[in-house]
Protein backbone atom coordinates (compact mmCIF):
# COMPACT_ATOMS: atom_id res chain seq x y z
CA UNK A 1 113.67 83.31 148.71
CA UNK A 2 114.71 80.63 151.29
CA UNK A 3 116.15 77.27 150.39
CA UNK A 4 118.47 74.24 151.66
CA UNK A 5 121.71 74.74 149.73
CA UNK A 6 124.89 72.24 149.62
CA UNK A 7 128.41 73.85 148.64
CA UNK A 8 130.92 71.16 149.99
CA UNK A 9 131.10 67.50 148.05
CA UNK A 10 133.06 66.80 151.19
CA UNK A 11 131.32 68.20 153.88
CA UNK A 12 128.19 65.75 153.77
CA UNK A 13 125.00 66.55 155.66
CA UNK A 14 127.24 69.19 157.41
CA UNK A 15 127.43 71.10 154.12
CA UNK A 16 123.56 71.46 154.05
CA UNK A 17 122.61 75.37 155.11
CA UNK A 18 119.48 77.51 155.18
CA UNK A 19 120.36 80.35 152.20
CA UNK A 20 118.69 83.07 150.76
CA UNK A 21 118.64 82.12 147.31
CA UNK A 22 117.56 84.21 143.71
CA UNK A 23 114.25 83.18 142.51
CA UNK A 24 114.39 80.45 139.94
CA UNK A 25 114.05 81.35 136.06
CA UNK A 26 111.62 79.24 134.28
CA UNK A 27 113.29 78.26 130.73
CA UNK A 28 111.17 77.11 127.75
CA UNK A 29 108.58 74.64 128.95
CA UNK A 30 108.90 74.90 132.61
CA UNK A 31 106.90 75.48 135.35
CA UNK A 32 107.75 77.66 138.72
CA UNK A 33 106.06 76.09 141.48
CA UNK A 34 105.68 77.63 144.89
CA UNK A 35 106.76 74.26 147.14
CA UNK A 36 104.28 73.59 149.84
CA UNK A 37 106.00 69.90 150.48
CA UNK A 38 108.86 68.56 149.32
CA UNK A 39 110.72 64.97 149.77
CA UNK A 40 114.36 64.12 149.71
CA UNK A 41 116.43 60.87 149.18
CA UNK A 42 119.10 60.85 151.77
CA UNK A 43 121.91 58.96 149.69
CA UNK A 44 121.29 62.11 146.97
CA UNK A 45 124.17 64.09 148.26
CA UNK A 46 126.22 61.15 146.34
CA UNK A 47 124.80 61.59 142.90
CA UNK A 48 126.65 63.10 140.14
CA UNK A 49 123.72 65.62 139.33
CA UNK A 50 123.60 67.10 143.01
CA UNK A 51 127.02 68.59 141.96
CA UNK A 52 127.10 69.10 137.94
CA UNK A 53 124.54 70.29 135.30
CA UNK A 54 123.86 68.00 132.48
CA UNK A 55 126.90 68.83 130.71
CA UNK A 56 129.04 67.83 133.57
CA UNK A 57 129.83 71.66 134.90
CA UNK A 58 129.80 72.34 138.58
CA UNK A 59 126.63 73.83 139.80
CA UNK A 60 127.28 74.75 143.54
CA UNK A 61 125.87 75.87 145.45
CA UNK A 62 122.95 73.77 144.55
CA UNK A 63 119.24 72.76 146.33
CA UNK A 64 118.95 69.13 147.13
CA UNK A 65 115.50 67.24 147.01
CA UNK A 66 113.49 65.33 144.04
CA UNK A 67 110.11 65.47 144.98
CA UNK A 68 107.45 68.33 145.54
CA UNK A 69 103.73 69.08 145.81
CA UNK A 70 102.67 72.89 145.38
CA UNK A 71 100.98 75.35 143.42
CA UNK A 72 102.03 76.85 140.16
CA UNK A 73 103.34 80.11 140.43
CA UNK A 74 104.48 81.02 136.77
CA UNK A 75 104.75 79.41 133.31
CA UNK A 76 107.72 79.41 130.81
CA UNK A 77 107.71 79.99 127.34
CA UNK A 78 105.66 77.48 125.42
CA UNK A 79 104.53 75.67 128.71
CA UNK A 80 100.99 74.00 128.14
CA UNK A 81 98.80 71.40 130.05
CA UNK A 82 99.13 73.52 133.52
CA UNK A 83 98.02 76.59 134.79
CA UNK A 84 98.90 79.53 137.13
CA UNK A 85 97.39 78.46 140.63
CA UNK A 86 97.02 74.85 139.54
CA UNK A 87 97.91 72.53 142.32
CA UNK A 88 100.62 70.10 140.82
CA UNK A 89 102.98 67.55 142.23
CA UNK A 90 105.91 65.47 140.66
CA UNK A 91 109.50 65.34 140.13
CA UNK A 92 111.97 67.88 139.84
CA UNK A 93 115.07 67.75 137.69
CA UNK A 94 118.12 65.54 138.66
CA UNK A 95 120.63 67.92 137.36
CA UNK A 96 118.79 71.26 138.73
CA UNK A 97 118.36 72.97 141.62
CA UNK A 98 115.61 70.97 143.47
CA UNK A 99 112.72 71.00 145.82
CA UNK A 100 113.99 72.13 149.03
CA UNK A 101 113.12 75.85 148.40
CA UNK A 102 110.29 77.96 148.67
CA UNK A 103 110.13 78.11 144.79
CA UNK A 104 111.92 75.89 142.01
CA UNK A 105 111.84 75.65 138.39
CA UNK A 106 110.73 72.02 136.99
CA UNK A 107 109.79 70.58 133.57
CA UNK A 108 106.13 70.79 133.02
CA UNK A 109 106.25 67.19 131.73
CA UNK A 110 107.63 66.12 135.15
CA UNK A 111 104.20 67.45 137.10
CA UNK A 112 100.93 66.19 137.40
CA UNK A 113 97.83 67.79 138.59
CA UNK A 114 97.06 67.07 142.35
CA UNK A 115 93.41 66.58 143.42
CA UNK A 116 91.74 69.12 145.79
CA UNK A 117 91.37 66.59 148.37
CA UNK A 118 94.64 65.45 148.37
CA UNK A 119 97.04 67.06 150.97
CA UNK A 120 100.62 68.16 149.61
CA UNK A 121 102.36 66.25 152.56
CA UNK A 122 101.22 63.28 151.32
CA UNK A 123 101.71 63.83 147.74
CA UNK A 124 105.26 64.71 148.19
CA UNK A 125 105.86 61.33 149.52
CA UNK A 126 104.77 59.78 146.34
CA UNK A 127 106.64 60.59 143.24
CA UNK A 128 110.11 58.78 143.22
CA UNK A 129 108.60 56.02 145.36
CA UNK A 130 105.39 55.47 143.44
CA UNK A 131 106.81 55.82 140.15
CA UNK A 132 109.62 53.43 141.06
CA UNK A 133 107.62 50.82 142.62
CA UNK A 134 105.37 51.18 139.63
CA UNK A 135 107.89 51.07 137.23
CA UNK A 136 109.86 47.74 138.61
CA UNK A 137 106.80 45.69 139.28
CA UNK A 138 104.94 46.27 136.05
CA UNK A 139 107.21 48.05 133.63
CA UNK A 140 110.09 45.79 134.22
CA UNK A 141 108.99 42.39 136.10
CA UNK A 142 105.27 42.52 134.31
CA UNK A 143 103.73 41.29 137.75
CA UNK A 144 100.46 39.67 137.27
CA UNK A 145 97.76 38.10 139.55
CA UNK A 146 99.00 34.79 141.52
CA UNK A 147 102.89 35.57 141.37
CA UNK A 148 105.08 35.56 144.11
CA UNK A 149 106.88 38.76 144.94
CA UNK A 150 109.95 39.27 147.35
CA UNK A 151 110.49 42.88 148.30
CA UNK A 152 113.55 43.88 149.99
CA UNK A 153 113.14 46.98 152.37
CA UNK A 154 109.40 46.66 152.56
CA UNK A 155 108.73 49.17 155.11
CA UNK A 156 110.91 51.76 153.14
CA UNK A 157 109.46 54.70 150.90
CA UNK A 158 109.82 52.52 147.72
CA UNK A 159 108.97 49.10 149.63
CA UNK A 160 106.12 50.24 151.08
CA UNK A 161 104.54 51.49 148.22
CA UNK A 162 105.43 48.58 146.21
CA UNK A 163 104.07 46.21 148.58
CA UNK A 164 100.52 47.85 148.37
CA UNK A 165 100.82 48.01 144.56
CA UNK A 166 101.61 44.29 144.22
CA UNK A 167 98.88 43.19 146.59
CA UNK A 168 96.42 45.25 144.51
CA UNK A 169 97.75 43.52 141.62
CA UNK A 170 96.60 40.16 143.18
CA UNK A 171 100.18 38.98 143.89
CA UNK A 172 101.46 37.19 147.24
CA UNK A 173 103.78 39.24 148.69
CA UNK A 174 107.00 38.63 151.13
CA UNK A 175 108.72 41.59 152.57
CA UNK A 176 112.06 41.73 154.29
CA UNK A 177 114.04 44.36 156.70
CA UNK A 178 114.82 44.94 160.23
CA UNK A 179 113.06 43.23 163.05
CA UNK A 180 111.23 46.32 163.69
CA UNK A 181 109.82 46.69 160.32
CA UNK A 182 107.76 43.29 160.71
CA UNK A 183 104.65 44.96 161.90
CA UNK A 184 104.59 47.46 159.11
CA UNK A 185 105.03 45.12 156.37
CA UNK A 186 102.60 43.05 157.46
CA UNK A 187 100.04 45.80 158.11
CA UNK A 188 100.82 47.01 154.47
CA UNK A 189 99.67 43.85 153.44
CA UNK A 190 102.58 41.34 153.17
CA UNK A 191 101.81 37.90 154.01
CA UNK A 192 105.38 36.95 155.23
CA UNK A 193 108.22 38.79 156.60
CA UNK A 194 112.05 38.11 156.89
CA UNK A 195 114.30 39.58 159.46
CA UNK A 196 117.29 40.09 157.31
CA UNK A 197 119.58 40.19 160.48
CA UNK A 198 118.17 36.84 162.41
CA UNK A 199 116.28 34.80 159.89
CA UNK A 200 117.90 32.95 156.67
CA UNK A 201 116.72 34.82 153.20
CA UNK A 202 117.24 31.37 151.37
CA UNK A 203 114.34 29.67 153.31
CA UNK A 204 111.84 31.79 151.30
CA UNK A 205 112.47 29.47 148.23
CA UNK A 206 111.63 30.58 144.58
CA UNK A 207 109.52 33.35 143.69
CA UNK A 208 108.30 34.93 140.71
CA UNK A 209 109.78 38.53 141.28
CA UNK A 210 112.49 39.66 143.33
CA UNK A 211 112.12 43.56 143.78
CA UNK A 212 115.76 44.78 145.47
CA UNK A 213 116.31 48.25 146.97
CA UNK A 214 119.25 47.45 149.05
CA UNK A 215 122.10 46.02 146.68
CA UNK A 216 125.12 44.04 147.73
CA UNK A 217 125.03 40.84 149.30
CA UNK A 218 121.61 40.89 149.71
CA UNK A 219 121.13 41.65 145.84
CA UNK A 220 123.53 38.56 144.82
CA UNK A 221 121.81 36.38 146.98
CA UNK A 222 118.33 36.85 145.79
CA UNK A 223 119.30 35.88 142.19
CA UNK A 224 119.36 32.23 143.45
CA UNK A 225 115.68 32.74 144.85
CA UNK A 226 114.48 33.69 140.98
CA UNK A 227 112.44 30.70 139.53
CA UNK A 228 112.89 29.87 135.91
CA UNK A 229 111.19 32.53 133.92
CA UNK A 230 111.07 35.00 136.63
CA UNK A 231 112.91 38.48 137.26
CA UNK A 232 115.11 39.93 139.40
CA UNK A 233 114.96 43.95 139.51
CA UNK A 234 116.77 46.29 141.74
CA UNK A 235 117.46 50.12 141.91
CA UNK A 236 120.43 49.71 143.80
CA UNK A 237 123.14 49.02 141.40
CA UNK A 238 123.88 47.06 138.53
CA UNK A 239 123.35 43.25 138.65
CA UNK A 240 126.61 41.21 138.96
CA UNK A 241 124.79 37.92 139.98
CA UNK A 242 122.00 36.65 137.39
CA UNK A 243 119.41 34.21 137.90
CA UNK A 244 120.30 30.97 136.38
CA UNK A 245 117.11 30.90 134.11
CA UNK A 246 115.49 34.62 134.41
CA UNK A 247 116.12 37.99 133.77
CA UNK A 248 118.01 40.65 135.74
CA UNK A 249 117.19 44.48 135.40
CA UNK A 250 118.59 47.22 136.80
CA UNK A 251 116.70 51.02 136.33
CA UNK A 252 116.66 54.57 137.27
CA UNK A 253 112.95 56.02 137.81
CA UNK A 254 111.49 57.84 134.88
CA UNK A 255 108.87 60.86 134.98
CA UNK A 256 105.69 59.89 133.78
CA UNK A 257 102.93 62.46 134.07
CA UNK A 258 100.22 59.84 133.18
CA UNK A 259 101.20 57.23 136.00
CA UNK A 260 101.48 60.32 138.62
CA UNK A 261 98.13 61.06 137.96
CA UNK A 262 96.86 57.69 138.48
CA UNK A 263 98.93 57.46 141.60
CA UNK A 264 97.63 60.52 142.90
CA UNK A 265 93.69 59.07 142.39
CA UNK A 266 94.81 55.87 144.23
CA UNK A 267 95.91 58.30 147.26
CA UNK A 268 92.89 59.87 147.13
CA UNK A 269 90.54 56.74 146.93
CA UNK A 270 92.50 55.43 149.97
CA UNK A 271 93.93 52.49 147.71
CA UNK A 272 97.69 53.69 148.33
CA UNK A 273 99.43 55.02 151.71
CA UNK A 274 102.84 56.36 151.83
CA UNK A 275 104.37 55.98 155.16
CA UNK A 276 104.86 59.16 156.31
CA UNK A 277 107.28 58.96 159.38
CA UNK A 278 107.92 62.69 160.23
CA UNK A 279 107.03 65.97 159.05
CA UNK A 280 109.51 68.88 159.55
CA UNK A 281 109.75 72.87 158.50
CA UNK A 282 112.36 73.86 155.70
CA UNK A 283 114.78 75.00 158.65
CA UNK A 284 115.08 71.40 159.83
CA UNK A 285 115.67 69.97 156.52
CA UNK A 286 119.58 69.59 156.72
CA UNK A 287 119.47 67.56 159.95
CA UNK A 288 116.66 65.32 158.40
CA UNK A 289 118.77 64.24 155.98
CA UNK A 290 120.53 61.80 158.84
CA UNK A 291 117.83 58.95 158.81
CA UNK A 292 116.20 58.46 162.35
CA UNK A 293 115.95 54.68 162.68
CA UNK A 294 113.66 54.94 165.43
CA UNK A 295 110.92 56.47 162.92
CA UNK A 296 109.99 54.27 160.05
CA UNK A 297 108.89 55.64 156.90
CA UNK A 298 109.56 58.80 154.87
CA UNK A 299 110.48 62.28 156.28
CA UNK A 300 108.67 65.16 154.42
CA UNK A 301 109.35 68.95 154.68
CA UNK A 302 106.68 71.09 154.96
CA UNK A 303 107.91 74.44 153.11
CA UNK A 304 104.47 76.44 152.86
CA UNK A 305 101.49 76.08 154.83
CA UNK A 306 98.34 74.92 153.05
């Protein structure tokens, strides 16, 4: 089968190539998925799991990508809850071959059924972004109706989902990003927008929750914006500057089959819409790892035609 593989840690994006690789083996409680569409994170070439297995052993050449939508092709021993031929979507494991392949092995618990009327491309844009946004807002920050939420990187994959979920929960959302993101942010439901390159972040004032996906100086400056009792939550890096009278949380997204199913229903009902900027074939996946700043939204790889 064909897959995008990565062989050289020092080569960066240039080390990604389209290769012929063996069909995957289904371990206990695994599912083999015929991948129809896949998502990836441009920065994942810097993640330890891209290069090593769970025991820390080198696993190159590996297959990147951690989001997928497709059809169950095979069940491993002991796998329950899914059936061959079923449409599914979800997360591949961090330290195993990923989704940029025609077939991949995934732990069954990381997948959820995909409704027949939801397309694979839209579904592939949802697992990491959707689960990250939900867990940040509701599992860690406990957002409720009437609160104010500042979302950094509001037009990105995670931020664009977060603003829609926060608005549906009855929160007032302020988004940040580049000047070109303003229209996207307001269209998604943000009530205000801050251009981080030309406007002063501190003019936002105090908010109940800050959700950061950027890190660095922006994360440090955001601590002062959290009102007493509020929460600063980030996926970018551990927090070094904490709110004076609030909480700070750094987390890594976790699989959640029940929440994935809920997100799929929101997608089907039109309550949630991933921002997809481009759809490209598997052969062009390597070049897609270099973000195109002119094209807002996620790039999704179409692996198999529906």
